[in-house]
Amino acid sequence: MADVMKNDRSWKNIPPAGSSKREDMPAHVFLDPKNKRYPYKKYVDGKWKVSCAGLLAAYRRAIMNKDSEIANKARSLAIQYKCPWANK
């Protein structure tokens, strides 16, 4: 199982869509890797780690954008990684 940041409470300093920094991020960091949308991993200590705060942000953004496929994917990953917000 991947490294998970369960107590990660902040989801900031993520490059905005279309920026060159975001384009340099690997595809596995995103819930929609083809379009590089909905990032959910953070680069910490030289590794990409799953962030529960990132999954929650992606889940909320997907619901707001009426993208149920991504919302379901974010929720199922959150349950798989035992994120505290997924059990509510």
N, C-alpha and C. Protein backbone atom coordinates (compact mmCIF):
# COMPACT_ATOMS: atom_id res chain seq x y z
N MET A 1 0.85 -1.18 0.00
CA MET A 1 0.00 0.00 0.00
C MET A 1 0.90 1.24 0.00
N ALA A 2 0.46 2.26 -0.66
CA ALA A 2 1.22 3.50 -0.80
C ALA A 2 1.27 4.26 0.53
N ASP A 3 2.27 5.13 0.63
CA ASP A 3 2.34 6.00 1.80
C ASP A 3 1.14 6.93 1.80
N VAL A 4 0.49 7.06 2.95
CA VAL A 4 -0.70 7.89 3.05
C VAL A 4 -0.50 8.92 4.14
N MET A 5 -0.89 10.14 3.82
CA MET A 5 -0.82 11.24 4.78
C MET A 5 -2.22 11.46 5.33
N LYS A 6 -2.57 10.73 6.40
CA LYS A 6 -3.92 10.79 6.95
C LYS A 6 -4.17 12.06 7.75
N ASN A 7 -3.16 12.55 8.41
CA ASN A 7 -3.33 13.73 9.26
C ASN A 7 -2.99 15.02 8.54
N ASP A 8 -2.86 14.94 7.24
CA ASP A 8 -2.57 16.12 6.43
C ASP A 8 -3.84 16.98 6.37
N ARG A 9 -3.79 18.16 6.94
CA ARG A 9 -4.99 18.99 7.03
C ARG A 9 -5.04 20.09 5.97
N SER A 10 -3.95 20.31 5.28
CA SER A 10 -3.95 21.41 4.31
C SER A 10 -3.72 20.89 2.90
N TRP A 11 -4.34 21.55 1.98
CA TRP A 11 -4.18 21.23 0.57
C TRP A 11 -3.97 22.54 -0.14
N LYS A 12 -2.75 23.04 -0.08
CA LYS A 12 -2.44 24.31 -0.72
C LYS A 12 -1.09 24.18 -1.41
N ASN A 13 -0.70 25.22 -2.08
CA ASN A 13 0.56 25.24 -2.84
C ASN A 13 0.56 24.23 -3.98
N ILE A 14 -0.61 23.87 -4.45
CA ILE A 14 -0.73 22.99 -5.62
C ILE A 14 -0.79 23.90 -6.84
N PRO A 15 0.04 23.66 -7.84
CA PRO A 15 0.04 24.54 -9.01
C PRO A 15 -1.31 24.56 -9.73
N PRO A 16 -1.74 25.71 -10.20
CA PRO A 16 -3.03 25.80 -10.88
C PRO A 16 -3.01 25.07 -12.23
N ALA A 17 -4.20 24.73 -12.69
CA ALA A 17 -4.34 24.03 -13.97
C ALA A 17 -3.74 24.86 -15.09
N GLY A 18 -3.01 24.21 -15.96
CA GLY A 18 -2.40 24.88 -17.10
C GLY A 18 -1.02 25.46 -16.85
N SER A 19 -0.57 25.43 -15.59
CA SER A 19 0.76 25.98 -15.31
C SER A 19 1.84 24.98 -15.70
N SER A 20 3.04 25.49 -15.94
CA SER A 20 4.13 24.61 -16.36
C SER A 20 4.53 23.65 -15.23
N LYS A 21 4.41 24.10 -13.98
CA LYS A 21 4.74 23.21 -12.86
C LYS A 21 3.80 22.02 -12.81
N ARG A 22 2.53 22.25 -13.09
CA ARG A 22 1.57 21.15 -13.08
C ARG A 22 1.84 20.20 -14.24
N GLU A 23 2.22 20.73 -15.37
CA GLU A 23 2.54 19.88 -16.53
C GLU A 23 3.74 18.99 -16.26
N ASP A 24 4.64 19.42 -15.36
CA ASP A 24 5.81 18.63 -15.02
C ASP A 24 5.50 17.52 -14.02
N MET A 25 4.33 17.56 -13.39
CA MET A 25 3.95 16.54 -12.42
C MET A 25 3.60 15.24 -13.14
N PRO A 26 3.96 14.08 -12.56
CA PRO A 26 3.66 12.80 -13.23
C PRO A 26 2.15 12.53 -13.26
N ALA A 27 1.73 11.73 -14.20
CA ALA A 27 0.30 11.46 -14.40
C ALA A 27 -0.32 10.72 -13.22
N HIS A 28 0.44 9.89 -12.51
CA HIS A 28 -0.13 9.10 -11.41
C HIS A 28 -0.57 9.94 -10.23
N VAL A 29 -0.26 11.22 -10.24
CA VAL A 29 -0.62 12.14 -9.16
C VAL A 29 -2.08 12.58 -9.28
N PHE A 30 -2.70 12.38 -10.42
CA PHE A 30 -4.03 12.90 -10.71
C PHE A 30 -5.08 11.80 -10.78
N LEU A 31 -6.31 12.14 -10.40
CA LEU A 31 -7.43 11.21 -10.56
C LEU A 31 -7.84 11.12 -12.03
N ASP A 32 -7.60 12.18 -12.77
CA ASP A 32 -7.83 12.19 -14.22
C ASP A 32 -6.48 12.41 -14.88
N PRO A 33 -5.67 11.34 -15.02
CA PRO A 33 -4.29 11.50 -15.49
C PRO A 33 -4.18 11.99 -16.93
N LYS A 34 -5.16 11.65 -17.76
CA LYS A 34 -5.10 12.06 -19.16
C LYS A 34 -5.13 13.58 -19.31
N ASN A 35 -5.99 14.22 -18.54
CA ASN A 35 -6.14 15.68 -18.60
C ASN A 35 -5.40 16.42 -17.48
N LYS A 36 -4.72 15.66 -16.62
CA LYS A 36 -4.00 16.21 -15.47
C LYS A 36 -4.92 17.11 -14.63
N ARG A 37 -6.04 16.49 -14.23
CA ARG A 37 -6.99 17.19 -13.37
C ARG A 37 -7.15 16.40 -12.07
N TYR A 38 -7.53 17.08 -11.03
CA TYR A 38 -7.81 16.51 -9.72
C TYR A 38 -6.58 15.84 -9.10
N PRO A 39 -5.56 16.61 -8.74
CA PRO A 39 -4.41 16.02 -8.06
C PRO A 39 -4.79 15.55 -6.66
N TYR A 40 -4.18 14.46 -6.21
CA TYR A 40 -4.48 13.96 -4.86
C TYR A 40 -3.22 13.47 -4.13
N LYS A 41 -2.07 13.64 -4.74
CA LYS A 41 -0.82 13.26 -4.08
C LYS A 41 0.06 14.48 -3.90
N LYS A 42 0.88 14.43 -2.83
CA LYS A 42 1.84 15.50 -2.54
C LYS A 42 3.25 14.93 -2.61
N TYR A 43 4.18 15.79 -3.01
CA TYR A 43 5.59 15.40 -3.06
C TYR A 43 6.21 15.75 -1.71
N VAL A 44 6.52 14.72 -0.92
CA VAL A 44 7.05 14.92 0.42
C VAL A 44 8.25 14.00 0.61
N ASP A 45 9.35 14.57 1.05
CA ASP A 45 10.57 13.80 1.33
C ASP A 45 11.01 12.93 0.15
N GLY A 46 10.89 13.46 -1.06
CA GLY A 46 11.36 12.76 -2.24
C GLY A 46 10.42 11.71 -2.80
N LYS A 47 9.19 11.61 -2.25
CA LYS A 47 8.23 10.61 -2.71
C LYS A 47 6.87 11.26 -2.91
N TRP A 48 6.08 10.71 -3.81
CA TRP A 48 4.69 11.13 -4.00
C TRP A 48 3.85 10.32 -3.03
N LYS A 49 3.16 11.01 -2.12
CA LYS A 49 2.34 10.36 -1.11
C LYS A 49 0.88 10.74 -1.28
N VAL A 50 0.00 9.78 -1.08
CA VAL A 50 -1.44 10.04 -1.13
C VAL A 50 -1.79 10.95 0.04
N SER A 51 -2.56 11.98 -0.25
CA SER A 51 -2.98 12.92 0.78
C SER A 51 -4.49 12.82 0.95
N CYS A 52 -4.93 12.54 2.19
CA CYS A 52 -6.37 12.49 2.46
C CYS A 52 -7.00 13.85 2.22
N ALA A 53 -6.28 14.92 2.52
CA ALA A 53 -6.79 16.27 2.25
C ALA A 53 -6.91 16.48 0.74
N GLY A 54 -5.99 15.94 -0.03
CA GLY A 54 -6.04 16.04 -1.48
C GLY A 54 -7.21 15.26 -2.07
N LEU A 55 -7.47 14.09 -1.50
CA LEU A 55 -8.62 13.30 -1.96
C LEU A 55 -9.93 14.01 -1.63
N LEU A 56 -10.00 14.62 -0.44
CA LEU A 56 -11.20 15.37 -0.07
C LEU A 56 -11.40 16.57 -0.98
N ALA A 57 -10.32 17.28 -1.29
CA ALA A 57 -10.41 18.43 -2.20
C ALA A 57 -10.86 18.00 -3.58
N ALA A 58 -10.31 16.89 -4.08
CA ALA A 58 -10.70 16.37 -5.39
C ALA A 58 -12.16 15.93 -5.38
N TYR A 59 -12.59 15.29 -4.30
CA TYR A 59 -13.97 14.83 -4.17
C TYR A 59 -14.93 16.02 -4.20
N ARG A 60 -14.62 17.04 -3.41
CA ARG A 60 -15.49 18.22 -3.36
C ARG A 60 -15.52 18.96 -4.70
N ARG A 61 -14.38 19.09 -5.34
CA ARG A 61 -14.32 19.78 -6.63
C ARG A 61 -15.09 18.99 -7.70
N ALA A 62 -14.98 17.67 -7.66
CA ALA A 62 -15.70 16.84 -8.63
C ALA A 62 -17.21 16.96 -8.44
N ILE A 63 -17.66 16.98 -7.20
CA ILE A 63 -19.09 17.16 -6.94
C ILE A 63 -19.56 18.52 -7.42
N MET A 64 -18.76 19.53 -7.15
CA MET A 64 -19.09 20.89 -7.57
C MET A 64 -19.19 20.98 -9.10
N ASN A 65 -18.34 20.24 -9.80
CA ASN A 65 -18.32 20.25 -11.26
C ASN A 65 -19.21 19.16 -11.88
N LYS A 66 -19.99 18.49 -11.03
CA LYS A 66 -20.90 17.43 -11.48
C LYS A 66 -20.18 16.32 -12.25
N ASP A 67 -19.03 15.95 -11.74
CA ASP A 67 -18.23 14.88 -12.33
C ASP A 67 -18.30 13.67 -11.39
N SER A 68 -19.37 12.90 -11.50
CA SER A 68 -19.62 11.81 -10.56
C SER A 68 -18.58 10.69 -10.66
N GLU A 69 -18.03 10.47 -11.84
CA GLU A 69 -17.02 9.42 -12.01
C GLU A 69 -15.79 9.71 -11.15
N ILE A 70 -15.31 10.94 -11.20
CA ILE A 70 -14.14 11.33 -10.40
C ILE A 70 -14.48 11.34 -8.92
N ALA A 71 -15.68 11.82 -8.57
CA ALA A 71 -16.10 11.85 -7.16
C ALA A 71 -16.13 10.44 -6.59
N ASN A 72 -16.66 9.50 -7.34
CA ASN A 72 -16.69 8.10 -6.89
C ASN A 72 -15.29 7.52 -6.76
N LYS A 73 -14.43 7.86 -7.69
CA LYS A 73 -13.04 7.39 -7.64
C LYS A 73 -12.32 7.94 -6.40
N ALA A 74 -12.52 9.22 -6.11
CA ALA A 74 -11.89 9.84 -4.94
C ALA A 74 -12.40 9.20 -3.66
N ARG A 75 -13.70 8.98 -3.58
CA ARG A 75 -14.28 8.38 -2.37
C ARG A 75 -13.80 6.93 -2.19
N SER A 76 -13.75 6.16 -3.25
CA SER A 76 -13.30 4.77 -3.12
C SER A 76 -11.82 4.70 -2.71
N LEU A 77 -11.00 5.60 -3.25
CA LEU A 77 -9.59 5.64 -2.83
C LEU A 77 -9.47 6.06 -1.36
N ALA A 78 -10.30 7.01 -0.95
CA ALA A 78 -10.28 7.46 0.44
C ALA A 78 -10.67 6.32 1.39
N ILE A 79 -11.63 5.53 0.99
CA ILE A 79 -12.01 4.37 1.81
C ILE A 79 -10.89 3.34 1.82
N GLN A 80 -10.28 3.12 0.67
CA GLN A 80 -9.18 2.16 0.56
C GLN A 80 -8.00 2.57 1.44
N TYR A 81 -7.68 3.87 1.47
CA TYR A 81 -6.55 4.36 2.26
C TYR A 81 -6.95 4.74 3.68
N LYS A 82 -8.21 4.48 4.04
CA LYS A 82 -8.72 4.71 5.39
C LYS A 82 -8.61 6.17 5.83
N CYS A 83 -8.98 7.06 4.93
CA CYS A 83 -9.01 8.48 5.27
C CYS A 83 -10.16 8.73 6.24
N PRO A 84 -9.93 9.55 7.25
CA PRO A 84 -10.97 9.77 8.28
C PRO A 84 -12.28 10.33 7.71
N TRP A 85 -12.23 11.19 6.70
CA TRP A 85 -13.44 11.80 6.18
C TRP A 85 -14.31 10.83 5.40
N ALA A 86 -13.75 9.74 4.91
CA ALA A 86 -14.49 8.80 4.07
C ALA A 86 -15.45 7.94 4.85
N ASN A 87 -15.27 7.85 6.16
CA ASN A 87 -16.11 6.99 6.97
C ASN A 87 -17.34 7.70 7.53
N LYS A 88 -17.52 8.95 7.14
CA LYS A 88 -18.65 9.72 7.67
C LYS A 88 -19.86 9.59 6.78
